[in-house]
Amino acid sequence: MKGSTLAMNKNKFVYAAFLAIAFAATLSACRDKRSTGMEYARNMYDALALNPDQPVSTTNEYLKSFNGHAAQVPPAHTKPVGFTEYDEYPNTKEGYDAAGVSMVNPLPVDTVNLAEGKHLFTVFCNPCHGEKGDGQGHLVKIEKFSGVPSYFAGASSRGGNMADLTAGKIYHTITYGVNNMGSHASQISPTDRWKVVMYVQQLQKGQ
């Protein structure tokens, strides 16, 4: 009986303490209408790192080099990690023709590269070019776009048949785009572009 009474008193004490803490927290939050109350892990709200669009004070010696802005232009003559220049073949008819003659797919034609090329094609190209490369993708069927040629039975807008396009011409087109097709250089890395080229050349066979 005595033990039961002590347990009840202990529970009441814990409950009363909890209510007191909750009341104190509520009261402290109501003192200032602008206050957000008690906050947990304040550094999650006010990060130490600068936001890209955040103006910075120049009173700090280190921040004087930021010229008042957190976002900075990359240093001269630097390149992003993984960036590959493509200046040798500009976005012109001459650049397109030169790429068609000189550029060769550096990747081996194997099941792994073809499978990855098919996946990338499905994600980025299928909506317009169609699963079989016949130019009858979903966006074409709902009349969102028109004039998408077939890889194996269509004519290229830049001359010749689509089935005869070389790897370099396909790569150039993926990089810069043509007509209604925009550039995919920012979505597909140079290596992955070659995988797409490899798969497109399989579709050119019409099999």
N, C-alpha and C. Protein backbone atom coordinates (compact mmCIF):
# COMPACT_ATOMS: atom_id res chain seq x y z
N MET A 1 0.84 -1.21 0.00
CA MET A 1 0.00 0.00 0.00
C MET A 1 0.87 1.25 0.00
N LYS A 2 1.91 1.20 0.87
CA LYS A 2 2.81 2.34 0.97
C LYS A 2 3.55 2.55 -0.35
N GLY A 3 3.99 1.43 -0.97
CA GLY A 3 4.70 1.53 -2.25
C GLY A 3 3.81 2.08 -3.34
N SER A 4 2.57 1.70 -3.34
CA SER A 4 1.62 2.20 -4.34
C SER A 4 1.42 3.70 -4.19
N THR A 5 1.35 4.17 -2.92
CA THR A 5 1.17 5.60 -2.66
C THR A 5 2.38 6.39 -3.15
N LEU A 6 3.60 5.85 -2.90
CA LEU A 6 4.83 6.53 -3.34
C LEU A 6 4.88 6.63 -4.86
N ALA A 7 4.46 5.59 -5.54
CA ALA A 7 4.46 5.60 -7.01
C ALA A 7 3.50 6.63 -7.54
N MET A 8 2.31 6.73 -6.88
CA MET A 8 1.34 7.72 -7.31
C MET A 8 1.86 9.13 -7.10
N ASN A 9 2.50 9.35 -5.94
CA ASN A 9 3.05 10.68 -5.67
C ASN A 9 4.16 11.04 -6.66
N LYS A 10 4.96 10.05 -7.02
CA LYS A 10 6.05 10.28 -7.98
C LYS A 10 5.49 10.66 -9.34
N ASN A 11 4.44 9.97 -9.77
CA ASN A 11 3.81 10.28 -11.05
C ASN A 11 3.21 11.67 -11.05
N LYS A 12 2.61 12.03 -9.92
CA LYS A 12 2.02 13.37 -9.81
C LYS A 12 3.11 14.45 -9.89
N PHE A 13 4.25 14.16 -9.25
CA PHE A 13 5.35 15.12 -9.26
C PHE A 13 5.89 15.32 -10.68
N VAL A 14 6.07 14.23 -11.40
CA VAL A 14 6.57 14.30 -12.79
C VAL A 14 5.58 15.07 -13.66
N TYR A 15 4.31 14.78 -13.48
CA TYR A 15 3.26 15.45 -14.25
C TYR A 15 3.23 16.95 -13.95
N ALA A 16 3.35 17.29 -12.65
CA ALA A 16 3.33 18.70 -12.26
C ALA A 16 4.56 19.43 -12.80
N ALA A 17 5.72 18.75 -12.78
CA ALA A 17 6.94 19.37 -13.30
C ALA A 17 6.83 19.61 -14.80
N PHE A 18 6.25 18.66 -15.49
CA PHE A 18 6.06 18.81 -16.94
C PHE A 18 5.15 19.99 -17.25
N LEU A 19 4.05 20.12 -16.51
CA LEU A 19 3.14 21.24 -16.71
C LEU A 19 3.82 22.57 -16.42
N ALA A 20 4.65 22.60 -15.39
CA ALA A 20 5.35 23.83 -15.04
C ALA A 20 6.32 24.26 -16.15
N ILE A 21 7.04 23.30 -16.69
CA ILE A 21 7.98 23.60 -17.78
C ILE A 21 7.23 24.08 -19.01
N ALA A 22 6.14 23.41 -19.35
CA ALA A 22 5.35 23.79 -20.51
C ALA A 22 4.77 25.19 -20.34
N PHE A 23 4.30 25.50 -19.12
CA PHE A 23 3.76 26.82 -18.85
C PHE A 23 4.83 27.89 -18.97
N ALA A 24 6.03 27.60 -18.44
CA ALA A 24 7.13 28.57 -18.52
C ALA A 24 7.55 28.82 -19.96
N ALA A 25 7.59 27.76 -20.76
CA ALA A 25 7.96 27.91 -22.17
C ALA A 25 6.93 28.74 -22.92
N THR A 26 5.65 28.48 -22.64
CA THR A 26 4.58 29.23 -23.29
C THR A 26 4.63 30.69 -22.90
N LEU A 27 4.86 30.94 -21.62
CA LEU A 27 4.91 32.31 -21.12
C LEU A 27 6.07 33.07 -21.73
N SER A 28 7.23 32.41 -21.85
CA SER A 28 8.40 33.09 -22.41
C SER A 28 8.19 33.41 -23.89
N ALA A 29 7.43 32.58 -24.58
CA ALA A 29 7.19 32.81 -26.01
C ALA A 29 6.21 33.95 -26.23
N CYS A 30 5.40 34.25 -25.23
CA CYS A 30 4.36 35.28 -25.38
C CYS A 30 4.84 36.66 -24.96
N ARG A 31 6.04 36.76 -24.38
CA ARG A 31 6.49 38.05 -23.89
C ARG A 31 6.75 39.03 -25.04
N ASP A 32 7.28 38.52 -26.14
CA ASP A 32 7.59 39.36 -27.29
C ASP A 32 6.83 38.81 -28.49
N LYS A 33 5.96 39.63 -29.06
CA LYS A 33 5.14 39.16 -30.18
C LYS A 33 6.00 38.82 -31.39
N ARG A 34 7.20 39.39 -31.50
CA ARG A 34 8.08 39.11 -32.63
C ARG A 34 8.90 37.86 -32.41
N SER A 35 8.87 37.34 -31.20
CA SER A 35 9.70 36.18 -30.88
C SER A 35 9.07 34.90 -31.42
N THR A 36 9.91 34.00 -31.87
CA THR A 36 9.44 32.69 -32.33
C THR A 36 9.42 31.68 -31.21
N GLY A 37 9.71 32.14 -29.99
CA GLY A 37 9.70 31.23 -28.86
C GLY A 37 11.01 30.47 -28.75
N MET A 38 10.99 29.42 -27.98
CA MET A 38 12.18 28.61 -27.81
C MET A 38 12.50 27.90 -29.12
N GLU A 39 13.77 27.91 -29.49
CA GLU A 39 14.19 27.31 -30.75
C GLU A 39 15.21 26.22 -30.49
N TYR A 40 15.11 25.18 -31.27
CA TYR A 40 16.04 24.05 -31.15
C TYR A 40 17.05 24.14 -32.30
N ALA A 41 18.32 23.98 -31.98
CA ALA A 41 19.39 23.98 -32.98
C ALA A 41 19.34 25.25 -33.83
N ARG A 42 19.65 26.37 -33.20
CA ARG A 42 19.57 27.67 -33.87
C ARG A 42 20.43 27.72 -35.14
N ASN A 43 21.55 26.98 -35.14
CA ASN A 43 22.43 27.03 -36.31
C ASN A 43 21.78 26.45 -37.56
N MET A 44 20.66 25.72 -37.39
CA MET A 44 19.93 25.22 -38.55
C MET A 44 19.12 26.35 -39.20
N TYR A 45 18.82 27.39 -38.45
CA TYR A 45 18.11 28.54 -38.99
C TYR A 45 19.08 29.57 -39.57
N ASP A 46 20.14 29.83 -38.83
CA ASP A 46 21.15 30.80 -39.25
C ASP A 46 22.43 30.05 -39.57
N ALA A 47 22.53 29.60 -40.81
CA ALA A 47 23.71 28.83 -41.20
C ALA A 47 24.95 29.72 -41.23
N LEU A 48 26.11 29.14 -40.96
CA LEU A 48 27.35 29.90 -41.00
C LEU A 48 27.74 30.24 -42.44
N ALA A 49 27.38 29.35 -43.37
CA ALA A 49 27.72 29.58 -44.77
C ALA A 49 26.88 30.72 -45.35
N LEU A 50 27.45 31.43 -46.29
CA LEU A 50 26.73 32.53 -46.94
C LEU A 50 25.77 31.99 -47.99
N ASN A 51 24.61 32.63 -48.11
CA ASN A 51 23.67 32.30 -49.19
C ASN A 51 24.15 32.97 -50.47
N PRO A 52 23.91 32.33 -51.64
CA PRO A 52 24.40 32.92 -52.89
C PRO A 52 23.91 34.33 -53.16
N ASP A 53 22.67 34.65 -52.75
CA ASP A 53 22.12 35.97 -53.03
C ASP A 53 22.18 36.89 -51.81
N GLN A 54 23.01 36.56 -50.85
CA GLN A 54 23.09 37.32 -49.60
C GLN A 54 24.12 38.43 -49.71
N PRO A 55 23.73 39.69 -49.46
CA PRO A 55 24.74 40.76 -49.42
C PRO A 55 25.61 40.60 -48.18
N VAL A 56 26.89 40.88 -48.32
CA VAL A 56 27.80 40.69 -47.19
C VAL A 56 28.41 42.01 -46.80
N SER A 57 28.73 42.12 -45.53
CA SER A 57 29.34 43.33 -45.00
C SER A 57 30.83 43.35 -45.32
N THR A 58 31.34 44.52 -45.65
CA THR A 58 32.77 44.63 -45.97
C THR A 58 33.59 45.09 -44.76
N THR A 59 32.95 45.09 -43.57
CA THR A 59 33.70 45.47 -42.37
C THR A 59 34.66 44.36 -41.97
N ASN A 60 34.35 43.14 -42.38
CA ASN A 60 35.23 42.02 -42.10
C ASN A 60 36.33 41.97 -43.15
N GLU A 61 37.58 41.84 -42.71
CA GLU A 61 38.71 41.85 -43.64
C GLU A 61 38.58 40.74 -44.68
N TYR A 62 38.14 39.57 -44.25
CA TYR A 62 38.02 38.45 -45.18
C TYR A 62 36.94 38.70 -46.23
N LEU A 63 35.83 39.31 -45.80
CA LEU A 63 34.70 39.51 -46.71
C LEU A 63 34.91 40.69 -47.66
N LYS A 64 35.96 41.48 -47.46
CA LYS A 64 36.19 42.61 -48.36
C LYS A 64 36.45 42.13 -49.79
N SER A 65 37.00 40.92 -49.91
CA SER A 65 37.29 40.39 -51.25
C SER A 65 36.02 39.97 -51.98
N PHE A 66 34.87 39.92 -51.30
CA PHE A 66 33.61 39.50 -51.92
C PHE A 66 32.91 40.64 -52.65
N ASN A 67 33.41 41.86 -52.54
CA ASN A 67 32.83 43.01 -53.23
C ASN A 67 31.35 43.20 -52.92
N GLY A 68 30.97 42.86 -51.71
CA GLY A 68 29.60 43.09 -51.28
C GLY A 68 28.61 42.02 -51.67
N HIS A 69 29.03 40.97 -52.38
CA HIS A 69 28.11 39.93 -52.83
C HIS A 69 28.68 38.55 -52.48
N ALA A 70 27.80 37.67 -52.02
CA ALA A 70 28.23 36.32 -51.69
C ALA A 70 28.53 35.50 -52.95
N ALA A 71 27.69 35.67 -54.00
CA ALA A 71 27.91 34.94 -55.25
C ALA A 71 29.05 35.59 -56.01
N GLN A 72 30.00 34.78 -56.43
CA GLN A 72 31.18 35.30 -57.10
C GLN A 72 31.39 34.66 -58.47
N VAL A 73 32.01 35.41 -59.36
CA VAL A 73 32.37 34.89 -60.68
C VAL A 73 33.58 33.98 -60.51
N PRO A 74 33.61 32.81 -61.18
CA PRO A 74 34.77 31.92 -61.06
C PRO A 74 36.05 32.63 -61.47
N PRO A 75 37.17 32.28 -60.87
CA PRO A 75 38.45 32.89 -61.25
C PRO A 75 38.74 32.70 -62.73
N ALA A 76 39.47 33.62 -63.29
CA ALA A 76 39.80 33.55 -64.72
C ALA A 76 40.61 32.30 -65.04
N HIS A 77 40.37 31.75 -66.22
CA HIS A 77 41.12 30.59 -66.75
C HIS A 77 40.90 29.32 -65.93
N THR A 78 39.77 29.22 -65.27
CA THR A 78 39.43 28.00 -64.53
C THR A 78 38.28 27.29 -65.23
N LYS A 79 38.17 25.99 -64.98
CA LYS A 79 37.12 25.19 -65.60
C LYS A 79 36.43 24.36 -64.53
N PRO A 80 35.13 24.15 -64.65
CA PRO A 80 34.42 23.29 -63.70
C PRO A 80 34.93 21.86 -63.78
N VAL A 81 34.83 21.14 -62.68
CA VAL A 81 35.26 19.74 -62.65
C VAL A 81 34.43 18.93 -63.64
N GLY A 82 35.09 18.16 -64.48
CA GLY A 82 34.40 17.33 -65.45
C GLY A 82 34.00 18.06 -66.72
N PHE A 83 34.34 19.36 -66.83
CA PHE A 83 33.95 20.13 -68.01
C PHE A 83 34.84 19.77 -69.20
N THR A 84 34.23 19.58 -70.34
CA THR A 84 34.97 19.27 -71.56
C THR A 84 34.63 20.30 -72.62
N GLU A 85 35.66 20.95 -73.15
CA GLU A 85 35.44 21.97 -74.17
C GLU A 85 35.05 21.32 -75.49
N TYR A 86 34.26 22.07 -76.24
CA TYR A 86 33.82 21.58 -77.54
C TYR A 86 33.98 22.68 -78.58
N ASP A 87 34.99 23.54 -78.36
CA ASP A 87 35.19 24.70 -79.22
C ASP A 87 35.66 24.32 -80.62
N GLU A 88 36.24 23.13 -80.74
CA GLU A 88 36.80 22.73 -82.03
C GLU A 88 35.70 22.57 -83.08
N TYR A 89 34.47 22.27 -82.62
CA TYR A 89 33.36 22.08 -83.54
C TYR A 89 32.23 23.05 -83.15
N PRO A 90 32.25 24.27 -83.68
CA PRO A 90 31.26 25.28 -83.28
C PRO A 90 29.86 24.93 -83.77
N ASN A 91 28.90 25.67 -83.25
CA ASN A 91 27.50 25.45 -83.60
C ASN A 91 27.18 26.12 -84.94
N THR A 92 27.80 25.60 -85.98
CA THR A 92 27.58 26.08 -87.34
C THR A 92 27.45 24.88 -88.26
N LYS A 93 27.03 25.13 -89.50
CA LYS A 93 26.96 24.05 -90.48
C LYS A 93 28.35 23.46 -90.73
N GLU A 94 29.34 24.33 -90.75
CA GLU A 94 30.71 23.88 -90.95
C GLU A 94 31.18 23.02 -89.78
N GLY A 95 30.83 23.45 -88.56
CA GLY A 95 31.20 22.67 -87.37
C GLY A 95 30.52 21.32 -87.36
N TYR A 96 29.27 21.31 -87.78
CA TYR A 96 28.49 20.07 -87.86
C TYR A 96 29.13 19.09 -88.85
N ASP A 97 29.48 19.60 -90.03
CA ASP A 97 30.08 18.74 -91.05
C ASP A 97 31.46 18.24 -90.62
N ALA A 98 32.23 19.13 -89.96
CA ALA A 98 33.56 18.73 -89.51
C ALA A 98 33.47 17.65 -88.43
N ALA A 99 32.51 17.80 -87.52
CA ALA A 99 32.31 16.79 -86.48
C ALA A 99 31.93 15.47 -87.09
N GLY A 100 31.12 15.53 -88.13
CA GLY A 100 30.68 14.30 -88.80
C GLY A 100 31.82 13.54 -89.42
N VAL A 101 32.86 14.25 -89.85
CA VAL A 101 34.01 13.61 -90.49
C VAL A 101 35.04 13.15 -89.46
N SER A 102 35.31 13.99 -88.47
CA SER A 102 36.45 13.75 -87.58
C SER A 102 36.13 13.01 -86.28
N MET A 103 34.94 13.21 -85.74
CA MET A 103 34.65 12.65 -84.43
C MET A 103 34.27 11.17 -84.52
N VAL A 104 34.89 10.39 -83.64
CA VAL A 104 34.64 8.95 -83.58
C VAL A 104 34.28 8.60 -82.14
N ASN A 105 33.30 7.74 -81.97
CA ASN A 105 32.89 7.33 -80.63
C ASN A 105 34.04 6.60 -79.93
N PRO A 106 34.52 7.14 -78.79
CA PRO A 106 35.65 6.52 -78.10
C PRO A 106 35.27 5.32 -77.24
N LEU A 107 33.97 5.07 -77.08
CA LEU A 107 33.52 4.00 -76.20
C LEU A 107 33.35 2.70 -76.96
N PRO A 108 33.65 1.58 -76.32
CA PRO A 108 33.45 0.29 -76.99
C PRO A 108 31.96 -0.06 -77.08
N VAL A 109 31.58 -0.65 -78.17
CA VAL A 109 30.19 -1.08 -78.34
C VAL A 109 30.00 -2.39 -77.59
N ASP A 110 29.41 -2.31 -76.42
CA ASP A 110 29.16 -3.51 -75.63
C ASP A 110 27.77 -3.40 -74.99
N THR A 111 27.38 -4.47 -74.33
CA THR A 111 26.03 -4.53 -73.77
C THR A 111 25.81 -3.49 -72.67
N VAL A 112 26.87 -3.19 -71.91
CA VAL A 112 26.73 -2.22 -70.81
C VAL A 112 26.49 -0.82 -71.37
N ASN A 113 27.33 -0.40 -72.30
CA ASN A 113 27.17 0.94 -72.87
C ASN A 113 25.87 1.08 -73.64
N LEU A 114 25.47 0.03 -74.34
CA LEU A 114 24.20 0.08 -75.08
C LEU A 114 23.02 0.16 -74.13
N ALA A 115 23.09 -0.57 -73.03
CA ALA A 115 21.99 -0.54 -72.05
C ALA A 115 21.88 0.84 -71.42
N GLU A 116 23.03 1.45 -71.08
CA GLU A 116 23.00 2.79 -70.49
C GLU A 116 22.55 3.81 -71.54
N GLY A 117 22.98 3.61 -72.78
CA GLY A 117 22.54 4.51 -73.85
C GLY A 117 21.04 4.44 -74.05
N LYS A 118 20.50 3.24 -73.98
CA LYS A 118 19.05 3.06 -74.12
C LYS A 118 18.31 3.76 -72.99
N HIS A 119 18.82 3.63 -71.77
CA HIS A 119 18.18 4.29 -70.62
C HIS A 119 18.18 5.81 -70.80
N LEU A 120 19.32 6.36 -71.19
CA LEU A 120 19.41 7.81 -71.39
C LEU A 120 18.51 8.26 -72.54
N PHE A 121 18.45 7.47 -73.58
CA PHE A 121 17.57 7.78 -74.72
C PHE A 121 16.12 7.80 -74.26
N THR A 122 15.73 6.82 -73.45
CA THR A 122 14.36 6.75 -72.95
C THR A 122 14.00 7.98 -72.14
N VAL A 123 14.95 8.46 -71.34
CA VAL A 123 14.69 9.61 -70.48
C VAL A 123 14.63 10.91 -71.27
N PHE A 124 15.61 11.12 -72.14
CA PHE A 124 15.76 12.43 -72.78
C PHE A 124 15.21 12.51 -74.21
N CYS A 125 15.20 11.42 -74.94
CA CYS A 125 14.89 11.47 -76.37
C CYS A 125 13.55 10.84 -76.75
N ASN A 126 13.17 9.81 -76.02
CA ASN A 126 11.97 9.04 -76.33
C ASN A 126 10.71 9.90 -76.47
N PRO A 127 10.50 10.92 -75.63
CA PRO A 127 9.27 11.70 -75.73
C PRO A 127 9.01 12.29 -77.12
N CYS A 128 10.07 12.59 -77.85
CA CYS A 128 9.90 13.13 -79.21
C CYS A 128 10.23 12.10 -80.28
N HIS A 129 11.36 11.43 -80.13
CA HIS A 129 11.84 10.53 -81.17
C HIS A 129 11.16 9.17 -81.16
N GLY A 130 10.50 8.82 -80.06
CA GLY A 130 9.81 7.54 -80.00
C GLY A 130 10.71 6.40 -79.56
N GLU A 131 10.10 5.39 -79.03
CA GLU A 131 10.85 4.24 -78.51
C GLU A 131 11.68 3.56 -79.59
N LYS A 132 11.15 3.52 -80.80
CA LYS A 132 11.84 2.85 -81.91
C LYS A 132 12.66 3.82 -82.76
N GLY A 133 12.65 5.09 -82.38
CA GLY A 133 13.37 6.08 -83.17
C GLY A 133 12.66 6.44 -84.45
N ASP A 134 11.34 6.23 -84.49
CA ASP A 134 10.55 6.48 -85.70
C ASP A 134 9.95 7.88 -85.75
N GLY A 135 10.31 8.73 -84.77
CA GLY A 135 9.78 10.09 -84.75
C GLY A 135 8.36 10.19 -84.27
N GLN A 136 7.86 9.14 -83.62
CA GLN A 136 6.48 9.12 -83.15
C GLN A 136 6.41 9.01 -81.63
N GLY A 137 7.13 9.90 -80.97
CA GLY A 137 7.10 9.91 -79.52
C GLY A 137 5.81 10.46 -78.96
N HIS A 138 5.68 10.41 -77.65
CA HIS A 138 4.45 10.84 -76.98
C HIS A 138 4.10 12.29 -77.31
N LEU A 139 5.11 13.18 -77.28
CA LEU A 139 4.84 14.60 -77.53
C LEU A 139 4.44 14.86 -78.97
N VAL A 140 4.88 14.00 -79.87
CA VAL A 140 4.48 14.13 -81.27
C VAL A 140 3.03 13.69 -81.44
N LYS A 141 2.66 12.62 -80.77
CA LYS A 141 1.32 12.07 -80.90
C LYS A 141 0.25 13.01 -80.34
N ILE A 142 0.61 13.79 -79.33
CA ILE A 142 -0.37 14.74 -78.79
C ILE A 142 -0.23 16.10 -79.48
N GLU A 143 0.52 16.11 -80.59
CA GLU A 143 0.68 17.30 -81.43
C GLU A 143 1.32 18.46 -80.69
N LYS A 144 2.22 18.12 -79.77
CA LYS A 144 3.00 19.16 -79.09
C LYS A 144 4.13 19.63 -79.99
N PHE A 145 4.74 18.67 -80.71
CA PHE A 145 5.79 18.97 -81.67
C PHE A 145 5.50 18.23 -82.96
N SER A 146 6.05 18.73 -84.04
CA SER A 146 5.88 18.08 -85.33
C SER A 146 7.20 18.11 -86.09
N GLY A 147 7.25 17.31 -87.13
CA GLY A 147 8.44 17.32 -87.97
C GLY A 147 9.62 16.56 -87.41
N VAL A 148 9.40 15.69 -86.42
CA VAL A 148 10.50 14.88 -85.87
C VAL A 148 10.77 13.72 -86.83
N PRO A 149 11.97 13.64 -87.41
CA PRO A 149 12.23 12.62 -88.42
C PRO A 149 12.50 11.25 -87.81
N SER A 150 12.33 10.23 -88.64
CA SER A 150 12.67 8.86 -88.25
C SER A 150 14.15 8.65 -88.44
N TYR A 151 14.77 7.93 -87.52
CA TYR A 151 16.21 7.67 -87.63
C TYR A 151 16.53 6.74 -88.81
N PHE A 152 15.59 5.91 -89.19
CA PHE A 152 15.89 4.90 -90.21
C PHE A 152 15.15 5.12 -91.53
N ALA A 153 14.21 6.07 -91.57
CA ALA A 153 13.46 6.27 -92.81
C ALA A 153 13.21 7.73 -93.12
N GLY A 154 13.85 8.63 -92.38
CA GLY A 154 13.59 10.05 -92.57
C GLY A 154 14.77 10.77 -93.20
N ALA A 155 14.52 12.01 -93.58
CA ALA A 155 15.55 12.86 -94.17
C ALA A 155 15.99 13.91 -93.16
N SER A 156 17.28 14.19 -93.11
CA SER A 156 17.81 15.20 -92.20
C SER A 156 17.54 16.59 -92.75
N SER A 157 17.22 17.53 -91.89
CA SER A 157 16.98 18.91 -92.31
C SER A 157 18.26 19.57 -92.79
N ARG A 158 19.39 18.95 -92.49
CA ARG A 158 20.67 19.52 -92.92
C ARG A 158 21.28 18.75 -94.09
N GLY A 159 20.43 17.93 -94.72
CA GLY A 159 20.88 17.20 -95.91
C GLY A 159 21.19 15.75 -95.63
N GLY A 160 20.84 14.88 -96.56
CA GLY A 160 21.12 13.46 -96.41
C GLY A 160 20.03 12.75 -95.64
N ASN A 161 20.21 11.45 -95.50
CA ASN A 161 19.25 10.62 -94.77
C ASN A 161 19.66 10.47 -93.31
N MET A 162 18.67 10.38 -92.43
CA MET A 162 18.93 10.20 -91.00
C MET A 162 19.70 8.90 -90.74
N ALA A 163 19.41 7.88 -91.53
CA ALA A 163 20.08 6.59 -91.33
C ALA A 163 21.56 6.66 -91.63
N ASP A 164 21.99 7.71 -92.34
CA ASP A 164 23.40 7.83 -92.72
C ASP A 164 24.18 8.78 -91.81
N LEU A 165 23.52 9.36 -90.81
CA LEU A 165 24.21 10.29 -89.92
C LEU A 165 25.34 9.57 -89.20
N THR A 166 26.51 10.20 -89.18
CA THR A 166 27.66 9.62 -88.50
C THR A 166 27.59 9.90 -87.00
N ALA A 167 28.44 9.23 -86.26
CA ALA A 167 28.47 9.42 -84.80
C ALA A 167 28.76 10.87 -84.44
N GLY A 168 29.68 11.49 -85.19
CA GLY A 168 30.03 12.88 -84.89
C GLY A 168 28.88 13.84 -85.11
N LYS A 169 28.09 13.62 -86.15
CA LYS A 169 26.95 14.50 -86.41
C LYS A 169 25.88 14.33 -85.34
N ILE A 170 25.66 13.11 -84.90
CA ILE A 170 24.67 12.87 -83.84
C ILE A 170 25.14 13.52 -82.55
N TYR A 171 26.42 13.36 -82.23
CA TYR A 171 26.98 13.97 -81.01
C TYR A 171 26.85 15.49 -81.08
N HIS A 172 27.17 16.08 -82.21
CA HIS A 172 27.08 17.53 -82.39
C HIS A 172 25.65 18.01 -82.18
N THR A 173 24.69 17.25 -82.70
CA THR A 173 23.29 17.63 -82.56
C THR A 173 22.82 17.54 -81.12
N ILE A 174 23.25 16.49 -80.41
CA ILE A 174 22.89 16.37 -78.98
C ILE A 174 23.47 17.55 -78.21
N THR A 175 24.67 17.95 -78.54
CA THR A 175 25.36 19.02 -77.82
C THR A 175 24.72 20.37 -78.05
N TYR A 176 24.40 20.70 -79.31
CA TYR A 176 23.89 22.02 -79.64
C TYR A 176 22.39 22.07 -79.91
N GLY A 177 21.82 20.94 -80.31
CA GLY A 177 20.42 20.95 -80.70
C GLY A 177 20.26 21.39 -82.15
N VAL A 178 19.06 21.24 -82.67
CA VAL A 178 18.76 21.68 -84.04
C VAL A 178 17.25 21.84 -84.17
N ASN A 179 16.83 22.87 -84.88
CA ASN A 179 15.40 23.16 -85.08
C ASN A 179 14.68 23.22 -83.73
N ASN A 180 13.62 22.42 -83.53
CA ASN A 180 12.88 22.46 -82.26
C ASN A 180 13.59 21.74 -81.12
N MET A 181 14.61 20.99 -81.45
CA MET A 181 15.35 20.25 -80.42
C MET A 181 16.39 21.16 -79.79
N GLY A 182 16.30 21.34 -78.49
CA GLY A 182 17.26 22.17 -77.79
C GLY A 182 18.54 21.43 -77.44
N SER A 183 19.52 22.17 -76.97
CA SER A 183 20.78 21.57 -76.54
C SER A 183 20.57 20.70 -75.31
N HIS A 184 21.25 19.56 -75.28
CA HIS A 184 21.21 18.67 -74.13
C HIS A 184 22.56 18.61 -73.42
N ALA A 185 23.42 19.59 -73.70
CA ALA A 185 24.76 19.59 -73.13
C ALA A 185 24.75 19.70 -71.61
N SER A 186 23.75 20.42 -71.08
CA SER A 186 23.70 20.59 -69.62
C SER A 186 23.06 19.41 -68.91
N GLN A 187 22.31 18.58 -69.66
CA GLN A 187 21.64 17.43 -69.04
C GLN A 187 22.44 16.14 -69.19
N ILE A 188 23.18 16.01 -70.28
CA ILE A 188 23.88 14.76 -70.56
C ILE A 188 25.37 15.03 -70.66
N SER A 189 26.15 14.34 -69.87
CA SER A 189 27.60 14.53 -69.87
C SER A 189 28.19 14.07 -71.19
N PRO A 190 29.40 14.53 -71.54
CA PRO A 190 30.02 14.11 -72.79
C PRO A 190 30.11 12.59 -72.95
N THR A 191 30.49 11.89 -71.89
CA THR A 191 30.59 10.43 -71.98
C THR A 191 29.23 9.79 -72.23
N ASP A 192 28.21 10.29 -71.52
CA ASP A 192 26.86 9.74 -71.71
C ASP A 192 26.30 10.07 -73.09
N ARG A 193 26.73 11.20 -73.66
CA ARG A 193 26.27 11.54 -75.01
C ARG A 193 26.73 10.47 -76.00
N TRP A 194 27.95 9.99 -75.81
CA TRP A 194 28.45 8.94 -76.71
C TRP A 194 27.66 7.66 -76.55
N LYS A 195 27.18 7.39 -75.35
CA LYS A 195 26.35 6.20 -75.14
C LYS A 195 25.01 6.35 -75.87
N VAL A 196 24.46 7.56 -75.83
CA VAL A 196 23.22 7.81 -76.57
C VAL A 196 23.47 7.67 -78.07
N VAL A 197 24.58 8.21 -78.53
CA VAL A 197 24.95 8.09 -79.95
C VAL A 197 25.00 6.62 -80.35
N MET A 198 25.62 5.82 -79.51
CA MET A 198 25.77 4.39 -79.79
C MET A 198 24.40 3.73 -79.94
N TYR A 199 23.46 4.10 -79.06
CA TYR A 199 22.13 3.49 -79.12
C TYR A 199 21.35 4.01 -80.32
N VAL A 200 21.50 5.31 -80.63
CA VAL A 200 20.81 5.87 -81.80
C VAL A 200 21.28 5.17 -83.08
N GLN A 201 22.55 4.86 -83.16
CA GLN A 201 23.05 4.18 -84.34
C GLN A 201 22.51 2.76 -84.46
N GLN A 202 22.11 2.17 -83.35
CA GLN A 202 21.40 0.89 -83.42
C GLN A 202 20.00 1.09 -83.99
N LEU A 203 19.35 2.18 -83.58
CA LEU A 203 18.01 2.48 -84.07
C LEU A 203 18.03 2.85 -85.55
N GLN A 204 19.15 3.39 -86.02
CA GLN A 204 19.26 3.75 -87.43
C GLN A 204 19.10 2.52 -88.35
N LYS A 205 19.39 1.35 -87.80
CA LYS A 205 19.29 0.14 -88.58
C LYS A 205 17.84 -0.29 -88.81
N GLY A 206 16.91 0.30 -88.03
CA GLY A 206 15.50 0.00 -88.20
C GLY A 206 15.11 -1.39 -87.76
N GLN A 207 15.87 -1.96 -86.84
CA GLN A 207 15.58 -3.33 -86.39
C GLN A 207 14.80 -3.31 -85.09
